C-alpha cells in the first residue's frame, strides 16, 4: 500500500529533486499531479478507494500492489506532504500524524516494551513530560529524567536496558540546548535510539539526523502550518524504522493525519524557510532589546552571548529560532500584568505562528507537571515565552516597551 507519491514524470523538477535547493524542495518536493494537471496540489478528501476487481483488492491488502486502500493507512495528499517534509529533513522516510503529540507518542511507543528504559532531558514541553514520566510507566516502561546539559548525567543514566533517548533542543520554554552529537554517541554505544523533538528549530535551522540522531519528530501545528489553522505532526526516520516499527503501530492505533490538514501543511511548507528565517532575525532583535528593559531579570535566546550554551547553539543551528523567553521581576502577578497591557502581541499557548504570541508557561503549557517538576526544569513563575511573528519588529518592541511601562 503506497506511502509516498509514485511516478513524478508529470513534474519536470521531480527527477532530481533530491539535489535541488531548500526552497525548491519546499515548493516542488513530492509533486504528484493528477491527469488534470493542477498547479496546486490536489486534495483527495476521501476515506476509501475502489478497485477494478477482487484480485486487485487482494493484492493491495497483501502488499503486492502498492495502491491506496484506506486513508487511515495512506492517502495521496498525505503522501505528498510526507515526501516533501522528508526531502526538507534529508531523511529516508516520513510518517505523518494527526498531531505533534501523536508523533511523539508513536515514535516512543512503537519501539518500547514492558521492562524497557527511556532517558530524557528534564527540560520538556508539558505533554512530553507527561508521556515520559506518567504515561509510559503505566505500561512498565521505566523512565529517567536528566539535566540535558550535563553529559556525565547522560552517561550515568543510559544503561544496557535503555531502549531510546528523547531530547528537546532547544527546549520548551527555557531554550536549553542539548549536544545532539555527543548524546547520540553515548546512546548508540548502549544500543539506544535517539529521538529529537526539533519543533523549535525546524528543519530550516537544525538537522538532527546529520548530527547523529535516529528519529526526528515535529508538531506541524507550529511553524510548518505557521498560521494557526490546523493540527498535524510527523515522524522522520530510516525506512527500516518506519516500515518495521512505526507504520504497524500507527496504522492499528489510528492517529492518521486528515487529507485536508495535510493539504494545509503542504501550503505551509512552501513558505517555511522564508518565514522561519525572517522570524528568527526579528526574534534576535527583540531579545537584544529586552536585555535593556527595566524589570527583565534575564533574557533567554540561543544566539545571545548571554545564553550559557551559545557556542553549542551556534554549532548546531544556523539561526536562533523564533522563540524568546524572558523572566520578569515580580513573578506571576507581574507577568500577568505585563500580558494584560499588550495590544499587538496575542496571549496564546501556540507558537511558530505568523502572529506574535505570548504565554506564561507555569500557568499554561507546564501547569499540569506540578510545581516541583517546573522548578527542576527552570519554569519559574516570572518566566514568559514569546513566539515572534511576522509583524514589524519595531512595532513588537514598542508593544513590549509600552506593556512594561504600563505594568511597572
Protein backbone atom coordinates (compact mmCIF):
# COMPACT_ATOMS: atom_id res chain seq x y z
CA UNK A 1 0.00 0.00 0.00
CA UNK A 2 1.63 3.16 -1.22
CA UNK A 3 3.01 5.60 1.35
CA UNK A 4 4.75 8.06 -0.96
CA UNK A 5 3.98 9.57 -4.33
CA UNK A 6 4.53 7.31 -7.27
CA UNK A 7 5.66 8.30 -10.75
CA UNK A 8 6.56 12.00 -10.85
CA UNK A 9 7.02 12.22 -14.62
CA UNK A 10 4.40 14.97 -14.69
CA UNK A 11 6.82 17.20 -12.75
CA UNK A 12 9.99 18.18 -14.61
CA UNK A 13 11.79 19.11 -11.37
CA UNK A 14 10.92 15.79 -9.75
CA UNK A 15 13.56 13.66 -11.42
CA UNK A 16 16.45 15.22 -9.46
CA UNK A 17 14.57 16.97 -6.64
CA UNK A 18 16.91 15.41 -4.01
CA UNK A 19 19.68 17.64 -5.36
CA UNK A 20 17.67 20.86 -5.57
CA UNK A 21 17.85 23.74 -3.09
CA UNK A 22 15.87 24.00 0.13
CA UNK A 23 13.33 26.47 -1.24
CA UNK A 24 12.78 24.43 -4.42
CA UNK A 25 12.12 21.30 -2.35
CA UNK A 26 9.68 23.27 -0.19
CA UNK A 27 7.61 24.26 -3.22
CA UNK A 28 8.01 21.28 -5.57
CA UNK A 29 9.01 18.30 -3.45
CA UNK A 30 6.71 15.31 -3.81
CA UNK A 31 4.53 16.78 -6.56
CA UNK A 32 2.29 14.03 -7.95
CA UNK A 33 -0.18 15.74 -10.26
CA UNK A 34 -3.38 14.08 -11.37
CA UNK A 35 -4.27 13.80 -15.08
CA UNK A 36 -5.94 17.22 -14.73
CA UNK A 37 -2.55 18.91 -14.37
CA UNK A 38 -3.47 21.14 -11.42
CA UNK A 39 -0.89 23.71 -10.24
CA UNK A 40 -1.72 23.50 -6.53
CA UNK A 41 -1.55 20.02 -5.03
CA UNK A 42 -4.79 18.04 -5.34
CA UNK A 43 -6.86 17.47 -2.22
CA UNK A 44 -8.03 13.85 -2.02
CA UNK A 45 -10.65 14.32 0.68
CA UNK A 46 -11.84 10.74 0.84
CA UNK A 47 -11.61 7.85 3.26
CA UNK A 48 -11.54 4.86 0.92
CA UNK A 49 -10.60 3.80 -2.60
CA UNK A 50 -12.21 1.50 -5.18
CA UNK A 51 -10.63 -1.41 -7.03
CA UNK A 52 -11.22 -2.62 -10.58
CA UNK A 53 -11.58 -6.22 -9.40
CA UNK A 54 -11.26 -8.51 -6.43
CA UNK A 55 -7.77 -9.60 -7.41
CA UNK A 56 -6.51 -6.00 -7.20
CA UNK A 57 -8.10 -5.52 -3.78
CA UNK A 58 -6.44 -8.72 -2.53
CA UNK A 59 -3.08 -7.66 -3.97
CA UNK A 60 -3.25 -4.26 -2.26
CA UNK A 61 -4.02 -5.78 1.13
CA UNK A 62 -1.25 -8.34 0.75
CA UNK A 63 1.24 -5.65 -0.25
CA UNK A 64 1.84 -6.98 -3.76
CA UNK A 65 0.17 -3.85 -5.21
CA UNK A 66 1.23 -0.50 -3.72
CA UNK A 67 -2.02 1.33 -4.47
CA UNK A 68 -4.09 3.07 -1.81
CA UNK A 69 -6.72 1.21 0.21
CA UNK A 70 -7.85 3.42 3.12
CA UNK A 71 -6.87 6.89 4.33
CA UNK A 72 -6.05 5.67 7.82
CA UNK A 73 -3.26 3.72 6.12
CA UNK A 74 -2.22 6.18 3.41
CA UNK A 75 -3.72 8.92 1.26
CA UNK A 76 -2.40 10.69 -1.88
CA UNK A 77 -2.43 14.18 -0.34
CA UNK A 78 -0.86 12.99 2.91
CA UNK A 79 1.77 11.14 0.87
CA UNK A 80 2.81 14.34 -0.92
CA UNK A 81 3.20 16.10 2.44
CA UNK A 82 5.30 13.21 3.79
CA UNK A 83 7.56 13.23 0.74
CA UNK A 84 8.06 17.00 0.82
CA UNK A 85 8.94 17.06 4.51
CA UNK A 86 11.21 14.05 4.02
CA UNK A 87 13.13 15.95 1.37
CA UNK A 88 13.48 19.05 3.56
CA UNK A 89 14.69 16.99 6.52
CA UNK A 90 17.05 14.84 4.47
CA UNK A 91 15.53 11.68 5.94
CA UNK A 92 14.91 8.29 4.36
CA UNK A 93 11.25 8.17 5.41
CA UNK A 94 8.43 10.23 6.89
CA UNK A 95 5.15 9.27 8.54
CA UNK A 96 2.53 11.98 9.07
CA UNK A 97 0.35 12.02 12.18
CA UNK A 98 -2.75 13.77 13.47
CA UNK A 99 -0.80 15.99 15.86
CA UNK A 100 2.66 16.63 17.21
CA UNK A 101 1.96 14.64 20.36
CA UNK A 102 0.77 11.71 18.25
CA UNK A 103 4.19 11.85 16.59
CA UNK A 104 5.98 11.96 19.95
CA UNK A 105 3.99 9.12 21.49
CA UNK A 106 4.08 6.99 18.35
CA UNK A 107 7.85 7.35 17.93
CA UNK A 108 8.32 6.18 21.52
CA UNK A 109 5.60 3.56 21.95
CA UNK A 110 6.20 1.74 18.67
CA UNK A 111 9.65 0.60 19.84
CA UNK A 112 9.08 0.07 23.57
CA UNK A 113 8.00 -2.98 25.56
CA UNK A 114 7.37 -3.61 29.24
CA UNK A 115 10.66 -3.54 31.10
CA UNK A 116 12.38 -1.15 28.70
CA UNK A 117 14.03 2.06 29.86
CA UNK A 118 13.79 5.60 28.45
CA UNK A 119 16.10 8.51 29.26
CA UNK A 120 15.01 12.07 28.50
CA UNK A 121 16.18 15.59 29.13
CA UNK A 122 14.41 17.17 32.09
CA UNK A 123 13.51 20.34 30.19
CA UNK A 124 10.47 19.18 28.22
CA UNK A 125 7.17 20.50 26.91
CA UNK A 126 4.42 19.74 29.44
CA UNK A 127 2.71 17.00 27.41
CA UNK A 128 6.05 15.36 26.55
CA UNK A 129 6.88 15.32 30.26
CA UNK A 130 3.54 13.63 30.97
CA UNK A 131 4.19 10.94 28.35
CA UNK A 132 7.70 10.19 29.63
CA UNK A 133 7.11 10.49 33.37
CA UNK A 134 3.48 9.40 33.81
CA UNK A 135 2.02 7.54 30.81
CA UNK A 136 4.83 5.18 29.76
CA UNK A 137 5.39 3.95 33.35
CA UNK A 138 1.77 2.66 33.34
CA UNK A 139 2.99 0.05 30.86
CA UNK A 140 6.00 -0.94 32.97
CA UNK A 141 8.36 1.24 30.95
CA UNK A 142 10.87 2.92 33.23
CA UNK A 143 11.99 6.50 32.66
CA UNK A 144 14.81 8.71 33.89
CA UNK A 145 14.96 12.48 33.51
CA UNK A 146 18.38 14.15 33.46
CA UNK A 147 19.91 17.59 33.19
CA UNK A 148 20.21 17.72 29.42
CA UNK A 149 23.26 19.98 29.52
CA UNK A 150 25.28 17.55 31.65
CA UNK A 151 26.98 14.85 29.54
CA UNK A 152 28.04 12.98 32.68
CA UNK A 153 24.38 12.78 33.69
CA UNK A 154 23.59 11.20 30.31
CA UNK A 155 26.45 8.72 30.72
CA UNK A 156 25.21 7.77 34.17
CA UNK A 157 21.57 7.36 33.16
CA UNK A 158 21.92 5.47 29.86
CA UNK A 159 22.44 1.75 30.53
CA UNK A 160 22.21 -1.52 28.65
CA UNK A 161 18.45 -1.52 29.40
CA UNK A 162 17.91 1.88 27.76
CA UNK A 163 15.91 1.43 24.57
CA UNK A 164 15.64 5.05 23.49
CA UNK A 165 16.58 8.61 24.40
CA UNK A 166 14.23 11.56 23.97
CA UNK A 167 15.51 15.14 23.66
CA UNK A 168 14.03 18.59 23.03
CA UNK A 169 16.63 21.05 21.79
CA UNK A 170 16.10 23.93 22.09
CA UNK A 171 13.72 23.03 24.89
CA UNK A 172 10.28 24.45 25.60
CA UNK A 173 10.21 27.05 27.15
CA UNK A 174 13.69 27.54 28.65
CA UNK A 175 15.53 27.17 25.30
CA UNK A 176 18.05 24.80 26.83
CA UNK A 177 20.34 23.16 24.27
CA UNK A 178 21.45 19.53 24.32
CA UNK A 179 24.55 18.40 22.44
CA UNK A 180 22.89 16.07 19.92
CA UNK A 181 26.14 14.67 18.58
CA UNK A 182 27.61 13.87 21.99
CA UNK A 183 24.44 12.38 23.48
CA UNK A 184 23.81 10.34 20.32
CA UNK A 185 27.27 8.81 20.64
CA UNK A 186 26.59 7.88 24.28
CA UNK A 187 23.19 6.40 23.40
CA UNK A 188 24.43 4.45 20.41
CA UNK A 189 27.22 2.88 22.47
CA UNK A 190 24.44 1.35 24.60
CA UNK A 191 22.32 0.38 21.59
CA UNK A 192 19.64 3.03 22.18
CA UNK A 193 17.78 5.06 19.55
CA UNK A 194 17.82 8.86 19.80
CA UNK A 195 14.60 10.84 19.21
CA UNK A 196 14.85 14.61 18.76
CA UNK A 197 11.89 16.95 19.10
CA UNK A 198 13.03 19.59 16.60
CA UNK A 199 9.93 21.80 16.77
CA UNK A 200 11.66 24.99 17.90
CA UNK A 201 14.47 24.80 15.34
CA UNK A 202 12.54 23.27 12.39
CA UNK A 203 14.41 21.53 9.54
CA UNK A 204 15.34 25.02 8.32
CA UNK A 205 17.66 25.79 11.25
CA UNK A 206 18.79 22.41 12.60
CA UNK A 207 19.34 18.96 11.06
CA UNK A 208 19.40 16.39 13.91
CA UNK A 209 19.88 13.38 11.62
CA UNK A 210 23.14 14.88 10.35
CA UNK A 211 24.25 15.28 13.97
CA UNK A 212 23.71 11.61 14.79
CA UNK A 213 20.05 11.35 15.81
CA UNK A 214 17.94 8.43 14.58
CA UNK A 215 14.42 9.90 14.65
CA UNK A 216 13.04 13.45 14.43
CA UNK A 217 9.52 14.46 15.47
CA UNK A 218 7.53 17.59 14.64
CA UNK A 219 4.33 19.29 15.56
CA UNK A 220 3.20 20.55 12.18
CA UNK A 221 0.75 22.72 14.10
CA UNK A 222 3.61 25.11 14.84
CA UNK A 223 5.96 26.53 12.18
CA UNK A 224 5.04 24.09 9.40
CA UNK A 225 1.47 25.38 9.28
CA UNK A 226 2.59 28.74 10.62
CA UNK A 227 -0.82 30.38 10.59
CA UNK A 228 -2.77 28.68 13.36
CA UNK A 229 -5.11 26.75 11.06
CA UNK A 230 -4.83 23.06 11.82
CA UNK A 231 -3.21 20.24 13.78
CA UNK A 232 -0.64 17.83 12.40
CA UNK A 233 2.64 16.10 13.10
CA UNK A 234 5.31 13.91 11.58
CA UNK A 235 8.00 11.35 12.37
CA UNK A 236 11.18 11.33 10.24
CA UNK A 237 13.37 8.24 10.38
CA UNK A 238 15.10 5.47 8.48
CA UNK A 239 12.99 3.38 6.13
CA UNK A 240 13.56 0.33 8.32
CA UNK A 241 12.26 2.08 11.46
CA UNK A 242 9.18 3.32 9.65
CA UNK A 243 8.34 0.04 7.93
CA UNK A 244 9.16 -2.37 10.75
CA UNK A 245 8.07 -0.47 13.86
CA UNK A 246 6.26 2.81 13.29
CA UNK A 247 3.87 2.01 10.45
CA UNK A 248 2.28 -1.11 12.01
CA UNK A 249 1.80 0.69 15.32
CA UNK A 250 0.30 3.84 13.77
CA UNK A 251 -1.98 2.06 11.31
CA UNK A 252 -3.59 -0.02 14.00
CA UNK A 253 -3.84 2.70 16.65
CA UNK A 254 -5.20 5.28 14.21
CA UNK A 255 -3.61 8.76 14.71
CA UNK A 256 -3.88 9.47 10.98
CA UNK A 257 -3.42 12.95 9.53
CA UNK A 258 -6.52 14.12 7.67
CA UNK A 259 -6.07 14.84 3.94
CA UNK A 260 -7.33 18.38 4.41
CA UNK A 261 -4.82 19.12 7.17
CA UNK A 262 -2.07 17.59 5.06
CA UNK A 263 -3.00 19.94 2.22
CA UNK A 264 -2.88 22.94 4.57
CA UNK A 265 0.51 21.85 5.89
CA UNK A 266 1.78 21.49 2.33
CA UNK A 267 0.93 25.14 1.75
CA UNK A 268 2.83 25.97 4.94
CA UNK A 269 5.94 24.12 3.82
CA UNK A 270 6.13 26.31 0.72
CA UNK A 271 6.97 29.37 2.83
CA UNK A 272 8.55 27.66 5.86
CA UNK A 273 12.12 28.77 5.18
CA UNK A 274 11.16 32.35 4.36
CA UNK A 275 9.04 32.70 7.48
CA UNK A 276 11.37 31.00 9.95
CA UNK A 277 14.44 32.93 8.82
CA UNK A 278 12.60 36.28 8.92
CA UNK A 279 11.10 35.49 12.32
CA UNK A 280 14.48 34.39 13.67
CA UNK A 281 16.05 37.68 12.60
CA UNK A 282 13.27 39.57 14.35
CA UNK A 283 13.49 37.38 17.46
CA UNK A 284 17.20 38.16 17.84
CA UNK A 285 16.45 41.90 17.63
CA UNK A 286 13.67 41.57 20.21
CA UNK A 287 15.88 39.51 22.52
CA UNK A 288 18.71 42.06 22.38
CA UNK A 289 16.30 44.90 23.12
CA UNK A 290 14.64 43.11 26.03
CA UNK A 291 18.00 42.88 27.75
CA UNK A 292 17.88 46.64 28.33
CA UNK A 293 14.32 46.74 29.73
CA UNK A 294 13.87 47.60 33.37
CA UNK A 295 12.08 44.78 35.13
CA UNK A 296 13.58 41.99 32.98
CA UNK A 297 15.74 39.74 35.13
CA UNK A 298 17.08 37.65 32.27
CA UNK A 299 16.51 37.02 28.59
CA UNK A 300 16.95 33.53 27.11
CA UNK A 301 17.68 33.21 23.41
CA UNK A 302 20.04 30.68 21.76
CA UNK A 303 22.06 33.23 19.79
CA UNK A 304 22.56 35.74 22.60
CA UNK A 305 26.09 35.72 24.00
CA UNK A 306 24.50 35.53 27.45
CA UNK A 307 22.97 32.11 26.70
CA UNK A 308 25.01 29.58 28.71
CA UNK A 309 25.28 27.32 25.66
CA UNK A 310 25.58 29.96 22.95
CA UNK A 311 28.58 28.24 21.33
CA UNK A 312 26.77 24.90 21.14
CA UNK A 313 23.64 26.57 19.75
CA UNK A 314 25.67 28.25 17.01
CA UNK A 315 27.35 24.94 16.22
CA UNK A 316 24.07 23.04 15.80
CA UNK A 317 21.77 25.76 14.45
CA UNK A 318 22.04 28.25 11.59
CA UNK A 319 19.93 30.84 13.48
CA UNK A 320 18.48 31.17 16.96
CA UNK A 321 14.85 30.42 16.17
CA UNK A 322 11.58 32.27 16.58
CA UNK A 323 11.09 32.00 20.36
CA UNK A 324 12.41 34.33 23.06
CA UNK A 325 11.86 33.56 26.74
CA UNK A 326 12.41 36.11 29.47
CA UNK A 327 11.93 36.34 33.21
CA UNK A 328 10.33 39.37 34.79
CA UNK A 329 10.80 40.63 38.32
CA UNK A 330 7.67 40.19 40.40
CA UNK A 331 6.72 36.64 39.47
CA UNK A 332 3.35 35.52 38.19
CA UNK A 333 1.42 38.67 39.02
CA UNK A 334 3.85 40.95 37.20
CA UNK A 335 3.84 38.58 34.26
CA UNK A 336 0.04 38.67 34.13
CA UNK A 337 0.08 42.48 34.41
CA UNK A 338 2.50 42.61 31.50
CA UNK A 339 0.38 40.35 29.28
CA UNK A 340 -2.69 42.43 30.04
CA UNK A 341 -1.05 45.57 28.65
CA UNK A 342 -0.04 44.16 25.26
CA UNK A 343 -2.03 45.39 22.26
CA UNK A 344 -0.34 43.71 19.28
CA UNK A 345 1.08 40.50 20.73
CA UNK A 346 -1.67 37.98 21.48
CA UNK A 347 -1.86 35.79 24.57
CA UNK A 348 -1.83 32.20 23.30
CA UNK A 349 -0.05 28.95 24.11
CA UNK A 350 0.71 28.19 20.44
CA UNK A 351 3.99 29.16 18.76
CA UNK A 352 5.57 29.39 15.32
CA UNK A 353 2.66 31.47 14.03
CA UNK A 354 2.79 34.43 11.66
CA UNK A 355 1.23 36.39 14.53
CA UNK A 356 3.35 37.03 17.62
CA UNK A 357 2.06 35.03 20.59
CA UNK A 358 2.98 35.14 24.26
CA UNK A 359 2.24 32.84 27.18
CA UNK A 360 3.05 32.25 30.84
CA UNK A 361 4.25 28.60 30.81
CA UNK A 362 3.94 27.93 34.55
CA UNK A 363 0.19 28.52 34.41
CA UNK A 364 -0.46 27.10 30.93
CA UNK A 365 1.75 24.66 28.99
CA UNK A 366 3.57 23.40 32.09
CA UNK A 367 0.83 23.76 34.70
CA UNK A 368 -0.01 20.04 34.81
CA UNK A 369 3.52 18.79 35.58
CA UNK A 370 3.44 20.32 39.06
CA UNK A 371 5.49 22.93 40.90
CA UNK A 372 8.39 20.63 41.78
CA UNK A 373 8.92 19.47 38.18
CA UNK A 374 8.59 23.06 36.94
CA UNK A 375 11.27 24.23 39.34
CA UNK A 376 13.65 21.45 38.26
CA UNK A 377 13.03 22.37 34.61
CA UNK A 378 13.60 26.09 35.24
CA UNK A 379 9.99 27.09 34.51
CA UNK A 380 9.66 29.77 37.15
CA UNK A 381 6.69 31.99 37.98
CA UNK A 382 8.18 35.05 36.27
CA UNK A 383 9.05 33.26 33.04
CA UNK A 384 7.28 34.37 29.85
CA UNK A 385 7.61 32.74 26.41
CA UNK A 386 7.29 34.92 23.32
CA UNK A 387 6.87 33.45 19.84
CA UNK A 388 7.92 36.19 17.42
CA UNK A 389 5.78 36.53 14.31
CA UNK A 390 6.00 38.46 11.07
CA UNK A 391 4.88 41.87 12.26
CA UNK A 392 7.20 44.86 12.06
CA UNK A 393 9.95 44.29 14.60
CA UNK A 394 9.77 47.94 15.66
CA UNK A 395 6.06 47.53 16.45
CA UNK A 396 6.70 44.44 18.56
CA UNK A 397 9.42 46.19 20.54
CA UNK A 398 7.17 49.21 21.01
CA UNK A 399 4.34 46.96 22.23
CA UNK A 400 6.61 45.28 24.77
CA UNK A 401 8.05 48.61 25.90
CA UNK A 402 4.58 50.04 26.44
CA UNK A 403 3.47 46.94 28.34
CA UNK A 404 6.47 47.05 30.67
CA UNK A 405 5.94 50.72 31.41
CA UNK A 406 2.20 50.35 31.94
CA UNK A 407 2.59 47.32 34.19
CA UNK A 408 5.52 48.69 36.19
